[in-house]
Amino acid sequence: MSIENAKALLERVKNDAEFRSKMEAAGSKEERTRLAQAEGFYCTEDEWNKATNEMSDEELVQVSGGACWDCGDHTGIQSLVGI
């Protein structure tokens, strides 16, 4: 587990529309985590949060398409995976 893995997952979600759609379609954090791990991405929730916190709000909206998953206080990609 590492911040590098979290950043690699973030890049995959940003650049791979099909993968992003699969993540969006997953019904829970657990499903999204299983999907990410099946693709070789292992990171903690803290590492994921650090990777997404390095992005600007504009970048987050662009990656997430303005959508929100498991929103709470987070929007878009920050809560998409929620590893």
N, C-alpha and C. Protein backbone atom coordinates (compact mmCIF):
# COMPACT_ATOMS: atom_id res chain seq x y z
N MET A 1 0.84 -1.18 0.00
CA MET A 1 0.00 0.00 0.00
C MET A 1 0.89 1.24 0.00
N SER A 2 0.46 2.22 -0.79
CA SER A 2 1.26 3.41 -0.85
C SER A 2 0.50 4.55 -1.50
N ILE A 3 0.99 5.74 -1.27
CA ILE A 3 0.43 6.92 -1.92
C ILE A 3 0.60 6.82 -3.43
N GLU A 4 1.69 6.17 -3.87
CA GLU A 4 1.91 6.01 -5.31
C GLU A 4 0.80 5.16 -5.93
N ASN A 5 0.36 4.12 -5.22
CA ASN A 5 -0.74 3.30 -5.70
C ASN A 5 -2.03 4.12 -5.77
N ALA A 6 -2.25 4.94 -4.77
CA ALA A 6 -3.44 5.79 -4.76
C ALA A 6 -3.41 6.77 -5.94
N LYS A 7 -2.25 7.34 -6.20
CA LYS A 7 -2.12 8.27 -7.33
C LYS A 7 -2.31 7.54 -8.66
N ALA A 8 -1.81 6.32 -8.74
CA ALA A 8 -1.98 5.54 -9.98
C ALA A 8 -3.46 5.21 -10.20
N LEU A 9 -4.17 4.88 -9.12
CA LEU A 9 -5.61 4.62 -9.23
C LEU A 9 -6.34 5.88 -9.67
N LEU A 10 -5.97 6.99 -9.08
CA LEU A 10 -6.59 8.27 -9.46
C LEU A 10 -6.37 8.56 -10.94
N GLU A 11 -5.15 8.35 -11.42
CA GLU A 11 -4.87 8.57 -12.84
C GLU A 11 -5.70 7.63 -13.72
N ARG A 12 -5.86 6.39 -13.29
CA ARG A 12 -6.66 5.43 -14.06
C ARG A 12 -8.11 5.89 -14.14
N VAL A 13 -8.64 6.35 -13.02
CA VAL A 13 -10.02 6.84 -13.00
C VAL A 13 -10.15 8.09 -13.88
N LYS A 14 -9.14 8.95 -13.83
CA LYS A 14 -9.17 10.18 -14.63
C LYS A 14 -9.15 9.89 -16.12
N ASN A 15 -8.34 8.91 -16.52
CA ASN A 15 -8.04 8.72 -17.94
C ASN A 15 -8.74 7.55 -18.62
N ASP A 16 -9.41 6.71 -17.86
CA ASP A 16 -10.05 5.52 -18.43
C ASP A 16 -11.55 5.59 -18.17
N ALA A 17 -12.28 6.07 -19.17
CA ALA A 17 -13.73 6.27 -19.02
C ALA A 17 -14.46 4.97 -18.70
N GLU A 18 -14.04 3.87 -19.29
CA GLU A 18 -14.70 2.59 -19.03
C GLU A 18 -14.50 2.17 -17.57
N PHE A 19 -13.28 2.29 -17.07
CA PHE A 19 -12.98 1.95 -15.68
C PHE A 19 -13.76 2.88 -14.74
N ARG A 20 -13.77 4.17 -15.05
CA ARG A 20 -14.51 5.15 -14.25
C ARG A 20 -15.98 4.78 -14.20
N SER A 21 -16.55 4.36 -15.32
CA SER A 21 -17.96 3.96 -15.36
C SER A 21 -18.22 2.75 -14.47
N LYS A 22 -17.29 1.80 -14.46
CA LYS A 22 -17.42 0.63 -13.59
C LYS A 22 -17.40 1.05 -12.13
N MET A 23 -16.50 1.96 -11.80
CA MET A 23 -16.41 2.44 -10.43
C MET A 23 -17.70 3.17 -10.03
N GLU A 24 -18.23 3.97 -10.94
CA GLU A 24 -19.46 4.70 -10.67
C GLU A 24 -20.64 3.75 -10.47
N ALA A 25 -20.64 2.65 -11.21
CA ALA A 25 -21.75 1.69 -11.15
C ALA A 25 -21.70 0.81 -9.90
N ALA A 26 -20.54 0.72 -9.29
CA ALA A 26 -20.41 -0.09 -8.07
C ALA A 26 -21.32 0.50 -6.99
N GLY A 27 -22.00 -0.37 -6.28
CA GLY A 27 -23.02 0.08 -5.33
C GLY A 27 -22.52 0.46 -3.94
N SER A 28 -21.27 0.16 -3.63
CA SER A 28 -20.77 0.44 -2.29
C SER A 28 -19.27 0.66 -2.31
N LYS A 29 -18.75 1.18 -1.21
CA LYS A 29 -17.30 1.35 -1.08
C LYS A 29 -16.60 0.00 -1.20
N GLU A 30 -17.22 -1.02 -0.61
CA GLU A 30 -16.62 -2.35 -0.65
C GLU A 30 -16.50 -2.85 -2.09
N GLU A 31 -17.54 -2.63 -2.89
CA GLU A 31 -17.49 -3.05 -4.29
C GLU A 31 -16.42 -2.27 -5.06
N ARG A 32 -16.33 -0.97 -4.81
CA ARG A 32 -15.32 -0.16 -5.48
C ARG A 32 -13.92 -0.59 -5.06
N THR A 33 -13.76 -0.92 -3.79
CA THR A 33 -12.47 -1.39 -3.31
C THR A 33 -12.10 -2.71 -3.98
N ARG A 34 -13.06 -3.65 -4.08
CA ARG A 34 -12.79 -4.93 -4.75
C ARG A 34 -12.41 -4.70 -6.21
N LEU A 35 -13.12 -3.80 -6.88
CA LEU A 35 -12.82 -3.51 -8.27
C LEU A 35 -11.42 -2.93 -8.42
N ALA A 36 -11.06 -1.99 -7.57
CA ALA A 36 -9.73 -1.38 -7.62
C ALA A 36 -8.66 -2.44 -7.36
N GLN A 37 -8.88 -3.28 -6.36
CA GLN A 37 -7.91 -4.31 -6.03
C GLN A 37 -7.79 -5.35 -7.14
N ALA A 38 -8.89 -5.66 -7.79
CA ALA A 38 -8.85 -6.61 -8.91
C ALA A 38 -8.00 -6.08 -10.05
N GLU A 39 -7.87 -4.76 -10.12
CA GLU A 39 -7.04 -4.12 -11.15
C GLU A 39 -5.62 -3.85 -10.65
N GLY A 40 -5.33 -4.31 -9.42
CA GLY A 40 -3.97 -4.19 -8.90
C GLY A 40 -3.69 -2.94 -8.09
N PHE A 41 -4.72 -2.21 -7.70
CA PHE A 41 -4.55 -0.99 -6.93
C PHE A 41 -4.86 -1.25 -5.46
N TYR A 42 -3.85 -1.11 -4.62
CA TYR A 42 -4.00 -1.31 -3.19
C TYR A 42 -3.52 -0.06 -2.47
N CYS A 43 -4.43 0.58 -1.73
CA CYS A 43 -4.06 1.73 -0.94
C CYS A 43 -5.06 1.87 0.19
N THR A 44 -4.65 2.56 1.21
CA THR A 44 -5.54 2.81 2.34
C THR A 44 -6.43 4.01 2.04
N GLU A 45 -7.46 4.18 2.84
CA GLU A 45 -8.33 5.35 2.68
C GLU A 45 -7.54 6.63 2.91
N ASP A 46 -6.63 6.61 3.86
CA ASP A 46 -5.79 7.77 4.14
C ASP A 46 -4.92 8.12 2.93
N GLU A 47 -4.32 7.10 2.30
CA GLU A 47 -3.50 7.34 1.11
C GLU A 47 -4.35 7.89 -0.03
N TRP A 48 -5.55 7.34 -0.19
CA TRP A 48 -6.47 7.83 -1.23
C TRP A 48 -6.81 9.29 -0.98
N ASN A 49 -7.14 9.61 0.28
CA ASN A 49 -7.49 10.99 0.62
C ASN A 49 -6.34 11.95 0.35
N LYS A 50 -5.12 11.53 0.68
CA LYS A 50 -3.96 12.38 0.41
C LYS A 50 -3.78 12.60 -1.09
N ALA A 51 -3.96 11.55 -1.88
CA ALA A 51 -3.81 11.68 -3.34
C ALA A 51 -4.87 12.61 -3.92
N THR A 52 -6.11 12.48 -3.47
CA THR A 52 -7.17 13.33 -4.02
C THR A 52 -7.11 14.74 -3.48
N ASN A 53 -6.59 14.91 -2.28
CA ASN A 53 -6.47 16.25 -1.71
C ASN A 53 -5.42 17.08 -2.44
N GLU A 54 -4.54 16.44 -3.18
CA GLU A 54 -3.54 17.16 -3.96
C GLU A 54 -4.13 17.74 -5.24
N MET A 55 -5.38 17.36 -5.56
CA MET A 55 -6.04 17.87 -6.77
C MET A 55 -6.82 19.13 -6.44
N SER A 56 -6.95 20.00 -7.41
CA SER A 56 -7.77 21.19 -7.23
C SER A 56 -9.24 20.80 -7.32
N ASP A 57 -10.12 21.66 -6.83
CA ASP A 57 -11.55 21.40 -6.92
C ASP A 57 -11.98 21.24 -8.38
N GLU A 58 -11.39 22.05 -9.25
CA GLU A 58 -11.73 21.97 -10.68
C GLU A 58 -11.35 20.61 -11.26
N GLU A 59 -10.18 20.10 -10.90
CA GLU A 59 -9.75 18.79 -11.37
C GLU A 59 -10.68 17.69 -10.84
N LEU A 60 -11.09 17.81 -9.58
CA LEU A 60 -11.98 16.81 -9.00
C LEU A 60 -13.32 16.78 -9.74
N VAL A 61 -13.87 17.94 -10.05
CA VAL A 61 -15.14 17.99 -10.77
C VAL A 61 -14.97 17.43 -12.17
N GLN A 62 -13.85 17.74 -12.82
CA GLN A 62 -13.60 17.22 -14.16
C GLN A 62 -13.53 15.70 -14.16
N VAL A 63 -12.84 15.14 -13.20
CA VAL A 63 -12.69 13.69 -13.12
C VAL A 63 -14.01 13.02 -12.80
N SER A 64 -14.78 13.62 -11.92
CA SER A 64 -16.02 12.99 -11.46
C SER A 64 -17.20 13.31 -12.35
N GLY A 65 -17.03 14.20 -13.31
CA GLY A 65 -18.16 14.60 -14.12
C GLY A 65 -19.18 15.38 -13.32
N GLY A 66 -18.76 15.92 -12.18
CA GLY A 66 -19.65 16.69 -11.33
C GLY A 66 -20.53 15.82 -10.46
N ALA A 67 -20.36 14.50 -10.53
CA ALA A 67 -21.19 13.59 -9.75
C ALA A 67 -20.65 13.44 -8.35
N CYS A 68 -21.45 12.85 -7.49
CA CYS A 68 -21.06 12.64 -6.11
C CYS A 68 -21.47 11.24 -5.68
N TRP A 69 -20.54 10.52 -5.08
CA TRP A 69 -20.82 9.17 -4.61
C TRP A 69 -20.54 9.12 -3.13
N ASP A 70 -21.49 8.60 -2.34
CA ASP A 70 -21.33 8.52 -0.89
C ASP A 70 -20.90 9.89 -0.35
N CYS A 71 -21.58 10.92 -0.76
CA CYS A 71 -21.08 12.28 -0.62
C CYS A 71 -20.58 12.67 0.75
N GLY A 72 -21.41 12.66 1.74
CA GLY A 72 -20.96 13.19 3.02
C GLY A 72 -20.44 14.59 2.79
N ASP A 73 -19.24 14.86 3.26
CA ASP A 73 -18.63 16.17 3.06
C ASP A 73 -17.76 16.21 1.82
N HIS A 74 -17.65 15.10 1.10
CA HIS A 74 -16.80 15.02 -0.08
C HIS A 74 -17.65 15.06 -1.34
N THR A 75 -17.03 15.49 -2.44
CA THR A 75 -17.72 15.44 -3.72
C THR A 75 -16.88 14.68 -4.70
N GLY A 76 -17.52 14.17 -5.73
CA GLY A 76 -16.83 13.55 -6.85
C GLY A 76 -15.87 12.46 -6.48
N ILE A 77 -14.72 12.53 -7.07
CA ILE A 77 -13.73 11.46 -7.00
C ILE A 77 -13.23 11.19 -5.60
N GLN A 78 -13.21 12.18 -4.73
CA GLN A 78 -12.72 11.95 -3.37
C GLN A 78 -13.49 10.84 -2.69
N SER A 79 -14.78 10.75 -2.91
CA SER A 79 -15.55 9.71 -2.27
C SER A 79 -15.91 8.57 -3.22
N LEU A 80 -15.45 8.64 -4.45
CA LEU A 80 -15.74 7.58 -5.41
C LEU A 80 -15.23 6.24 -4.93
N VAL A 81 -14.01 6.18 -4.55
CA VAL A 81 -13.44 4.90 -4.14
C VAL A 81 -13.60 4.70 -2.64
N GLY A 82 -13.23 5.67 -1.88
CA GLY A 82 -13.37 5.56 -0.44
C GLY A 82 -12.73 4.31 0.13
N ILE A 83 -11.54 4.01 -0.31
CA ILE A 83 -10.86 2.78 0.09
C ILE A 83 -10.60 2.81 1.58
